[in-house]
């Protein structure tokens, strides 16, 4: 736990009675070894504006909730926890959307409980960028990637981009920016969440990214501000190959229904390659019958991909 009081954190806020400007949204489950790093990264932020920390524990079976309680006791005006009595993810309820609906800030900043922020000026810099570039739909930044092995962090990579201040669709489809760097207007994320729910599309970070870029470019802070910790226990990493295939296919088909023009065409492209990669993986695993059964769908998606976007829009 960092050696700062609430007064230390709030002292640079222009008026501590002002409305919260940023709601930091964090979800956690069985992160007792990691959650302190996440909370410390939030609490070390030096800002001229008030922020709140919304943290939701999905009924952890380890000591995660107890650790959060200690932080809440020390920072009761800043940290606002939700402790689920039953695990909601096992019931098919995604963890983050609940926090978005409770956020009171104009902006939300995202970070999961096993990742953490490394730059104390992260929030201030990204809010400044969003203010400077009002046409942008979200602020993003660079992330260091570490693999967690036996409580030791081993450096793997750094997620960076092309350095351009404004990242358009053609930029973000070739470079990945990690969720722990996302800062955007709360109303934008709520609008997309409602849109997904109304159309039966499962909300996810990837869905958010593809729908946001339609509204405007992302503004880039070309600095490393966070750590993505690979633990093997994340929602995506703990899935097997077949589950990842099904999840990806459902997501891209859902986005294909929602988008139009070049955005729709890109999803058609991804549907085709999702089938193609799955067939290759099945052959490598000697599952030849399963691979051949997917061939007609691969051919169908290939044909659809070749049809001009205007025709695709009319057909679907």
Protein backbone atom coordinates (compact mmCIF):
# COMPACT_ATOMS: atom_id res chain seq x y z
CA UNK A 1 0.00 0.00 0.00
CA UNK A 2 1.39 3.41 -0.98
CA UNK A 3 2.38 5.91 1.67
CA UNK A 4 -0.19 8.58 0.77
CA UNK A 5 -3.26 9.81 2.59
CA UNK A 6 -6.51 10.89 0.95
CA UNK A 7 -5.51 14.47 1.71
CA UNK A 8 -2.20 13.95 -0.12
CA UNK A 9 -4.06 12.69 -3.18
CA UNK A 10 -6.70 15.42 -3.13
CA UNK A 11 -4.40 18.35 -2.39
CA UNK A 12 -3.81 19.20 -6.05
CA UNK A 13 -7.48 18.96 -6.98
CA UNK A 14 -8.57 22.48 -7.81
CA UNK A 15 -11.66 22.00 -5.70
CA UNK A 16 -12.12 18.71 -3.90
CA UNK A 17 -15.86 19.40 -3.78
CA UNK A 18 -16.05 19.50 -7.58
CA UNK A 19 -17.72 16.65 -9.38
CA UNK A 20 -15.63 13.58 -10.16
CA UNK A 21 -14.10 13.95 -13.62
CA UNK A 22 -12.72 10.41 -14.08
CA UNK A 23 -14.13 7.12 -12.83
CA UNK A 24 -11.42 4.46 -12.74
CA UNK A 25 -13.09 1.10 -13.41
CA UNK A 26 -11.40 -2.06 -12.18
CA UNK A 27 -12.71 -5.63 -12.02
CA UNK A 28 -11.02 -8.35 -10.05
CA UNK A 29 -11.31 -12.03 -9.25
CA UNK A 30 -8.79 -14.08 -7.27
CA UNK A 31 -6.12 -11.42 -7.69
CA UNK A 32 -4.73 -11.40 -4.16
CA UNK A 33 -1.15 -11.38 -5.50
CA UNK A 34 -1.82 -8.51 -7.89
CA UNK A 35 -4.60 -6.23 -6.65
CA UNK A 36 -2.37 -4.06 -4.45
CA UNK A 37 -0.27 -3.11 -7.48
CA UNK A 38 -3.41 -2.11 -9.37
CA UNK A 39 -4.79 0.00 -6.52
CA UNK A 40 -1.43 1.62 -5.83
CA UNK A 41 -1.20 2.56 -9.51
CA UNK A 42 -4.57 4.30 -9.28
CA UNK A 43 -3.86 6.04 -5.99
CA UNK A 44 -0.50 7.42 -7.10
CA UNK A 45 -2.16 9.46 -9.86
CA UNK A 46 -1.37 13.16 -9.64
CA UNK A 47 -4.25 15.14 -11.09
CA UNK A 48 -5.78 18.58 -10.94
CA UNK A 49 -9.24 17.01 -10.98
CA UNK A 50 -11.16 14.63 -8.70
CA UNK A 51 -11.31 10.95 -9.56
CA UNK A 52 -12.97 7.91 -8.05
CA UNK A 53 -11.96 4.26 -8.05
CA UNK A 54 -14.78 1.81 -8.76
CA UNK A 55 -13.62 -1.72 -8.02
CA UNK A 56 -15.77 -4.82 -8.34
CA UNK A 57 -14.76 -8.13 -6.81
CA UNK A 58 -16.63 -11.02 -8.41
CA UNK A 59 -16.83 -13.15 -5.24
CA UNK A 60 -13.15 -14.09 -5.07
CA UNK A 61 -12.31 -17.27 -3.18
CA UNK A 62 -8.91 -15.98 -2.04
CA UNK A 63 -8.01 -12.86 0.00
CA UNK A 64 -8.68 -10.31 -2.73
CA UNK A 65 -11.78 -8.87 -1.01
CA UNK A 66 -9.95 -8.53 2.32
CA UNK A 67 -7.11 -6.61 0.67
CA UNK A 68 -9.60 -4.26 -1.02
CA UNK A 69 -11.30 -3.65 2.31
CA UNK A 70 -8.01 -2.46 3.81
CA UNK A 71 -7.66 0.07 1.01
CA UNK A 72 -11.27 1.20 1.38
CA UNK A 73 -10.68 1.82 5.08
CA UNK A 74 -7.73 4.10 4.29
CA UNK A 75 -9.29 5.81 1.23
CA UNK A 76 -13.06 5.76 1.87
CA UNK A 77 -13.82 8.92 -0.13
CA UNK A 78 -12.00 7.70 -3.24
CA UNK A 79 -12.48 3.92 -3.43
CA UNK A 80 -16.03 2.69 -3.97
CA UNK A 81 -16.15 -1.12 -3.94
CA UNK A 82 -18.71 -3.66 -5.06
CA UNK A 83 -18.45 -7.09 -3.47
CA UNK A 84 -20.52 -9.71 -5.25
CA UNK A 85 -21.95 -12.43 -3.03
CA UNK A 86 -22.09 -14.89 -5.92
CA UNK A 87 -19.77 -15.15 -8.89
CA UNK A 88 -21.53 -13.34 -11.74
CA UNK A 89 -19.19 -14.27 -14.58
CA UNK A 90 -20.15 -17.93 -14.16
CA UNK A 91 -23.73 -16.81 -14.88
CA UNK A 92 -22.67 -15.18 -18.13
CA UNK A 93 -22.52 -11.62 -16.76
CA UNK A 94 -19.55 -9.62 -18.06
CA UNK A 95 -17.66 -7.86 -15.25
CA UNK A 96 -16.96 -4.33 -16.51
CA UNK A 97 -20.37 -3.06 -17.78
CA UNK A 98 -21.78 -2.94 -14.26
CA UNK A 99 -19.10 -0.42 -13.31
CA UNK A 100 -19.72 1.74 -16.37
CA UNK A 101 -23.33 2.17 -15.30
CA UNK A 102 -22.23 3.27 -11.81
CA UNK A 103 -19.58 5.73 -12.98
CA UNK A 104 -20.32 9.37 -12.15
CA UNK A 105 -17.29 10.85 -13.89
CA UNK A 106 -17.43 12.44 -17.32
CA UNK A 107 -14.70 9.97 -18.32
CA UNK A 108 -13.91 6.35 -17.49
CA UNK A 109 -10.42 4.84 -17.33
CA UNK A 110 -10.10 1.05 -17.56
CA UNK A 111 -7.77 -1.42 -15.88
CA UNK A 112 -8.26 -5.00 -14.71
CA UNK A 113 -7.10 -6.18 -11.30
CA UNK A 114 -4.08 -8.14 -12.50
CA UNK A 115 -2.67 -5.22 -14.55
CA UNK A 116 -1.39 -1.90 -13.20
CA UNK A 117 -0.41 1.67 -14.08
CA UNK A 118 3.20 2.82 -13.92
CA UNK A 119 3.02 6.55 -14.69
CA UNK A 120 1.67 8.85 -11.93
CA UNK A 121 0.68 11.41 -14.58
CA UNK A 122 -1.15 8.92 -16.81
CA UNK A 123 -4.66 10.23 -16.18
CA UNK A 124 -3.67 13.89 -16.34
CA UNK A 125 -1.83 13.47 -19.65
CA UNK A 126 -4.63 11.49 -21.28
CA UNK A 127 -7.38 13.86 -20.15
CA UNK A 128 -5.30 16.75 -21.47
CA UNK A 129 -5.08 14.98 -24.84
CA UNK A 130 -8.82 14.31 -25.00
CA UNK A 131 -9.42 18.00 -24.26
CA UNK A 132 -6.90 19.10 -26.89
CA UNK A 133 -8.34 16.75 -29.54
CA UNK A 134 -12.14 16.86 -29.07
CA UNK A 135 -12.64 14.94 -32.33
CA UNK A 136 -11.03 11.86 -30.76
CA UNK A 137 -13.21 9.09 -29.36
CA UNK A 138 -10.69 7.61 -26.90
CA UNK A 139 -7.17 8.07 -25.55
CA UNK A 140 -4.69 5.19 -25.70
CA UNK A 141 -1.02 4.71 -24.79
CA UNK A 142 1.81 2.16 -24.76
CA UNK A 143 1.96 -0.87 -22.48
CA UNK A 144 4.76 -3.14 -21.27
CA UNK A 145 3.91 -6.85 -21.34
CA UNK A 146 5.21 -9.13 -18.60
CA UNK A 147 4.63 -12.80 -17.96
CA UNK A 148 4.02 -13.72 -14.35
CA UNK A 149 5.95 -16.86 -13.37
CA UNK A 150 6.34 -17.89 -9.73
CA UNK A 151 5.59 -14.31 -8.61
CA UNK A 152 8.36 -13.02 -10.87
CA UNK A 153 7.66 -10.68 -13.78
CA UNK A 154 9.50 -11.57 -16.98
CA UNK A 155 9.47 -8.93 -19.72
CA UNK A 156 7.90 -10.11 -23.00
CA UNK A 157 7.16 -7.14 -25.22
CA UNK A 158 5.93 -3.55 -25.42
CA UNK A 159 2.70 -2.71 -27.21
CA UNK A 160 3.48 0.38 -29.26
CA UNK A 161 2.07 1.99 -32.37
CA UNK A 162 3.34 4.12 -35.25
CA UNK A 163 3.69 7.21 -33.06
CA UNK A 164 0.98 9.22 -34.85
CA UNK A 165 -1.00 11.44 -32.48
CA UNK A 166 -4.31 10.55 -34.08
CA UNK A 167 -4.86 6.86 -34.79
CA UNK A 168 -7.47 6.13 -37.45
CA UNK A 169 -9.11 2.84 -38.44
CA UNK A 170 -6.27 1.86 -40.76
CA UNK A 171 -3.84 2.36 -37.86
CA UNK A 172 -5.66 0.51 -35.10
CA UNK A 173 -6.32 -2.62 -37.16
CA UNK A 174 -2.56 -3.20 -37.47
CA UNK A 175 -1.50 -2.27 -33.91
CA UNK A 176 -2.95 -3.38 -30.59
CA UNK A 177 -3.34 -0.98 -27.68
CA UNK A 178 -4.04 -2.58 -24.32
CA UNK A 179 -7.23 -1.98 -22.37
CA UNK A 180 -5.31 -0.70 -19.33
CA UNK A 181 -4.59 2.48 -21.31
CA UNK A 182 -8.18 3.22 -22.40
CA UNK A 183 -9.67 6.56 -21.31
CA UNK A 184 -12.91 7.76 -22.90
CA UNK A 185 -16.14 9.61 -22.22
CA UNK A 186 -18.58 7.68 -20.05
CA UNK A 187 -21.51 8.51 -22.32
CA UNK A 188 -19.70 7.00 -25.29
CA UNK A 189 -19.17 3.68 -23.58
CA UNK A 190 -22.73 3.59 -22.25
CA UNK A 191 -24.11 4.31 -25.72
CA UNK A 192 -22.09 1.43 -27.18
CA UNK A 193 -23.11 -0.85 -24.31
CA UNK A 194 -26.80 -0.11 -24.95
CA UNK A 195 -26.30 -0.59 -28.69
CA UNK A 196 -24.75 -4.01 -28.13
CA UNK A 197 -27.48 -5.10 -25.73
CA UNK A 198 -30.21 -3.96 -28.14
CA UNK A 199 -28.65 -5.97 -30.98
CA UNK A 200 -27.72 -9.09 -29.06
CA UNK A 201 -23.95 -8.55 -29.39
CA UNK A 202 -21.76 -9.45 -26.42
CA UNK A 203 -19.86 -6.40 -25.23
CA UNK A 204 -16.06 -6.76 -25.01
CA UNK A 205 -12.93 -4.64 -25.25
CA UNK A 206 -12.52 -5.55 -28.92
CA UNK A 207 -16.14 -4.72 -29.72
CA UNK A 208 -15.69 -1.39 -27.94
CA UNK A 209 -12.58 -0.61 -29.99
CA UNK A 210 -14.20 -1.38 -33.36
CA UNK A 211 -17.37 0.58 -32.61
CA UNK A 212 -15.53 3.57 -31.14
CA UNK A 213 -13.23 4.09 -34.12
CA UNK A 214 -16.31 4.71 -36.28
CA UNK A 215 -17.03 7.79 -34.14
CA UNK A 216 -13.55 9.24 -34.43
CA UNK A 217 -9.81 8.57 -34.19
CA UNK A 218 -8.01 7.55 -31.01
CA UNK A 219 -5.55 10.05 -29.58
CA UNK A 220 -2.23 8.47 -28.64
CA UNK A 221 0.00 9.20 -25.69
CA UNK A 222 3.28 7.75 -27.04
CA UNK A 223 4.56 6.68 -23.64
CA UNK A 224 4.45 3.46 -21.62
CA UNK A 225 1.92 4.02 -18.83
CA UNK A 226 0.90 0.51 -17.76
CA UNK A 227 1.82 -3.15 -17.40
CA UNK A 228 -0.20 -5.98 -18.89
CA UNK A 229 0.51 -8.97 -16.71
CA UNK A 230 0.07 -12.38 -18.39
CA UNK A 231 -1.07 -14.71 -15.63
CA UNK A 232 -2.90 -17.40 -17.59
CA UNK A 233 -6.05 -16.72 -15.57
CA UNK A 234 -7.62 -14.01 -17.73
CA UNK A 235 -10.98 -14.44 -19.44
CA UNK A 236 -9.27 -14.94 -22.82
CA UNK A 237 -6.05 -16.73 -21.89
CA UNK A 238 -7.77 -19.50 -19.95
CA UNK A 239 -9.90 -20.52 -22.95
CA UNK A 240 -8.84 -23.50 -25.07
CA UNK A 241 -8.34 -23.17 -28.84
CA UNK A 242 -11.85 -24.31 -29.70
CA UNK A 243 -13.42 -21.83 -27.26
CA UNK A 244 -11.29 -18.99 -28.63
CA UNK A 245 -12.40 -19.87 -32.16
CA UNK A 246 -16.08 -19.86 -31.22
CA UNK A 247 -15.78 -16.66 -29.21
CA UNK A 248 -13.92 -14.84 -32.00
CA UNK A 249 -16.38 -16.01 -34.64
CA UNK A 250 -19.42 -14.88 -32.66
CA UNK A 251 -17.82 -11.50 -31.99
CA UNK A 252 -16.84 -10.79 -35.60
CA UNK A 253 -20.23 -11.93 -36.91
CA UNK A 254 -21.91 -9.64 -34.41
CA UNK A 255 -19.77 -6.70 -35.50
CA UNK A 256 -20.44 -7.60 -39.14
CA UNK A 257 -24.15 -7.04 -38.45
CA UNK A 258 -23.59 -3.71 -36.70
CA UNK A 259 -21.07 -2.05 -39.00
CA UNK A 260 -21.10 -0.79 -42.57
CA UNK A 261 -18.67 0.23 -45.31
CA UNK A 262 -14.95 -0.47 -44.75
CA UNK A 263 -15.63 -1.37 -41.11
CA UNK A 264 -18.03 -4.12 -42.18
CA UNK A 265 -15.65 -5.33 -44.88
CA UNK A 266 -12.88 -5.70 -42.30
CA UNK A 267 -15.10 -7.90 -40.13
CA UNK A 268 -15.85 -10.07 -43.18
CA UNK A 269 -12.12 -10.37 -43.69
CA UNK A 270 -11.67 -11.41 -40.03
CA UNK A 271 -14.50 -13.96 -40.25
CA UNK A 272 -12.77 -15.57 -43.24
CA UNK A 273 -9.40 -15.71 -41.48
CA UNK A 274 -10.97 -16.99 -38.26
CA UNK A 275 -12.31 -20.00 -40.19
CA UNK A 276 -9.04 -20.37 -42.10
CA UNK A 277 -6.87 -20.34 -38.97
CA UNK A 278 -9.16 -22.78 -37.18
CA UNK A 279 -8.95 -25.23 -40.10
CA UNK A 280 -5.16 -24.97 -40.08
CA UNK A 281 -5.10 -25.59 -36.33
CA UNK A 282 -7.40 -28.59 -36.70
CA UNK A 283 -5.12 -30.12 -39.33
CA UNK A 284 -2.11 -29.57 -37.08
CA UNK A 285 -3.96 -31.41 -34.29
CA UNK A 286 -4.88 -34.23 -36.72
CA UNK A 287 -8.60 -33.45 -36.41
CA UNK A 288 -9.17 -33.94 -40.13
CA UNK A 289 -12.92 -34.59 -40.07
CA UNK A 290 -13.59 -31.42 -38.07
CA UNK A 291 -11.38 -29.48 -40.47
CA UNK A 292 -13.20 -30.75 -43.57
CA UNK A 293 -16.59 -29.97 -41.98
CA UNK A 294 -15.55 -26.31 -41.74
CA UNK A 295 -14.49 -26.10 -45.39
CA UNK A 296 -17.93 -25.05 -46.76
CA UNK A 297 -18.11 -22.22 -44.22
CA UNK A 298 -14.62 -21.11 -45.19
CA UNK A 299 -15.65 -21.05 -48.85
CA UNK A 300 -18.85 -19.17 -48.06
CA UNK A 301 -16.99 -16.54 -46.05
CA UNK A 302 -14.43 -16.19 -48.84
CA UNK A 303 -17.19 -15.50 -51.37
CA UNK A 304 -18.87 -13.00 -49.07
CA UNK A 305 -15.56 -11.24 -48.53
CA UNK A 306 -15.12 -10.77 -52.26
CA UNK A 307 -18.55 -9.20 -52.75
CA UNK A 308 -18.42 -5.37 -52.82
CA UNK A 309 -19.42 -3.77 -49.55
CA UNK A 310 -22.53 -2.17 -51.02
CA UNK A 311 -23.82 -5.56 -52.09
CA UNK A 312 -23.00 -7.03 -48.71
CA UNK A 313 -25.06 -4.29 -47.07
CA UNK A 314 -28.05 -5.09 -49.30
CA UNK A 315 -27.82 -8.85 -48.71
CA UNK A 316 -27.53 -8.60 -44.97
